[in-house]
Amino acid sequence: VKETGIRKLLVCSIQHLDGPLLVAFVVRWQLGTNTFHMPFGEMTITLHDVAVLLGIPVDGHMVVVKV
């Protein structure tokens, strides 16, 4: 985990959860297109967005864990 740069995920936690906001996103999620249908238009989340939000690297070699 240390070598992959994703060590931050081990201590990642949600400090404050906004229930109504979470429900609003869940209701607007479109499984077929993997987008959110918001009042202002469609919205999607990219791998880059996740990397920025979680502070983890998304470049380099892929990590595969065999169980």
C-alpha atoms as a PDB file:
ATOM      1  CA  VAL A   1       0.000   0.000   0.000  1.00  0.00           C
ATOM      2  CA  LYS A   2       2.841   2.379   0.837  1.00  0.00           C
ATOM      3  CA  GLU A   3       4.481   1.930  -2.566  1.00  0.00           C
ATOM      4  CA  THR A   4       1.242   2.553  -4.489  1.00  0.00           C
ATOM      5  CA  GLY A   5       0.619   5.977  -2.968  1.00  0.00           C
ATOM      6  CA  ILE A   6      -2.869   5.067  -1.766  1.00  0.00           C
ATOM      7  CA  ARG A   7      -1.950   4.825   1.918  1.00  0.00           C
ATOM      8  CA  LYS A   8      -4.205   7.832   2.567  1.00  0.00           C
ATOM      9  CA  LEU A   9      -7.226   5.613   1.886  1.00  0.00           C
ATOM     10  CA  LEU A  10      -6.459   3.544   4.989  1.00  0.00           C
ATOM     11  CA  VAL A  11      -7.208   6.518   7.227  1.00  0.00           C
ATOM     12  CA  CYS A  12      -9.886   8.107   5.041  1.00  0.00           C
ATOM     13  CA  SER A  13     -13.152   8.779   6.836  1.00  0.00           C
ATOM     14  CA  ILE A  14     -16.197  10.970   6.474  1.00  0.00           C
ATOM     15  CA  GLN A  15     -16.239  13.604   9.182  1.00  0.00           C
ATOM     16  CA  HIS A  16     -19.647  15.018   8.296  1.00  0.00           C
ATOM     17  CA  LEU A  17     -22.294  13.341   6.181  1.00  0.00           C
ATOM     18  CA  ASP A  18     -25.032  15.505   4.670  1.00  0.00           C
ATOM     19  CA  GLY A  19     -27.887  13.009   4.373  1.00  0.00           C
ATOM     20  CA  PRO A  20     -30.231  15.097   2.206  1.00  0.00           C
ATOM     21  CA  LEU A  21     -27.381  15.938  -0.186  1.00  0.00           C
ATOM     22  CA  LEU A  22     -26.440  12.267  -0.478  1.00  0.00           C
ATOM     23  CA  VAL A  23     -30.065  11.315  -1.170  1.00  0.00           C
ATOM     24  CA  ALA A  24     -30.284  14.029  -3.855  1.00  0.00           C
ATOM     25  CA  PHE A  25     -27.290  12.534  -5.661  1.00  0.00           C
ATOM     26  CA  VAL A  26     -28.549   8.952  -5.330  1.00  0.00           C
ATOM     27  CA  VAL A  27     -31.957   9.907  -6.762  1.00  0.00           C
ATOM     28  CA  ARG A  28     -30.305  11.630  -9.722  1.00  0.00           C
ATOM     29  CA  TRP A  29     -27.851   8.801 -10.556  1.00  0.00           C
ATOM     30  CA  GLN A  30     -28.495   7.156 -13.929  1.00  0.00           C
ATOM     31  CA  LEU A  31     -27.019   3.658 -13.961  1.00  0.00           C
ATOM     32  CA  GLY A  32     -27.258   3.239 -17.738  1.00  0.00           C
ATOM     33  CA  THR A  33     -25.118   6.294 -18.507  1.00  0.00           C
ATOM     34  CA  ASN A  34     -23.127   6.570 -15.240  1.00  0.00           C
ATOM     35  CA  THR A  35     -24.094  10.214 -14.921  1.00  0.00           C
ATOM     36  CA  PHE A  36     -26.058  12.413 -12.559  1.00  0.00           C
ATOM     37  CA  HIS A  37     -29.103  14.165 -14.053  1.00  0.00           C
ATOM     38  CA  MET A  38     -29.139  17.480 -12.215  1.00  0.00           C
ATOM     39  CA  PRO A  39     -31.576  20.408 -12.650  1.00  0.00           C
ATOM     40  CA  PHE A  40     -28.809  22.293 -14.507  1.00  0.00           C
ATOM     41  CA  GLY A  41     -27.885  19.370 -16.812  1.00  0.00           C
ATOM     42  CA  GLU A  42     -25.913  16.128 -16.820  1.00  0.00           C
ATOM     43  CA  MET A  43     -22.896  15.733 -14.574  1.00  0.00           C
ATOM     44  CA  THR A  44     -20.334  12.944 -14.416  1.00  0.00           C
ATOM     45  CA  ILE A  45     -17.420  12.202 -12.135  1.00  0.00           C
ATOM     46  CA  THR A  46     -14.085  11.280 -13.675  1.00  0.00           C
ATOM     47  CA  LEU A  47     -11.089   9.367 -12.399  1.00  0.00           C
ATOM     48  CA  HIS A  48      -9.278  12.703 -12.110  1.00  0.00           C
ATOM     49  CA  ASP A  49     -12.102  14.048  -9.908  1.00  0.00           C
ATOM     50  CA  VAL A  50     -11.773  11.046  -7.578  1.00  0.00           C
ATOM     51  CA  ALA A  51      -7.996  11.458  -7.449  1.00  0.00           C
ATOM     52  CA  VAL A  52      -8.306  15.113  -6.463  1.00  0.00           C
ATOM     53  CA  LEU A  53     -11.036  14.495  -3.876  1.00  0.00           C
ATOM     54  CA  LEU A  54      -9.217  11.583  -2.215  1.00  0.00           C
ATOM     55  CA  GLY A  55      -5.696  12.903  -2.739  1.00  0.00           C
ATOM     56  CA  ILE A  56      -4.402   9.718  -4.367  1.00  0.00           C
ATOM     57  CA  PRO A  57      -2.257   9.269  -7.483  1.00  0.00           C
ATOM     58  CA  VAL A  58      -3.839   7.849 -10.636  1.00  0.00           C
ATOM     59  CA  ASP A  59      -0.790   7.710 -12.858  1.00  0.00           C
ATOM     60  CA  GLY A  60       1.849   5.032 -13.238  1.00  0.00           C
ATOM     61  CA  HIS A  61       1.364   1.279 -13.251  1.00  0.00           C
ATOM     62  CA  MET A  62      -1.935  -0.386 -12.399  1.00  0.00           C
ATOM     63  CA  VAL A  63      -2.045  -2.199  -9.078  1.00  0.00           C
ATOM     64  CA  VAL A  64      -3.598  -5.666  -9.142  1.00  0.00           C
ATOM     65  CA  VAL A  65      -4.223  -7.661  -5.986  1.00  0.00           C
ATOM     66  CA  LYS A  66      -4.859 -11.384  -6.368  1.00  0.00           C
ATOM     67  CA  VAL A  67      -6.908 -12.927  -3.590  1.00  0.00           C
END
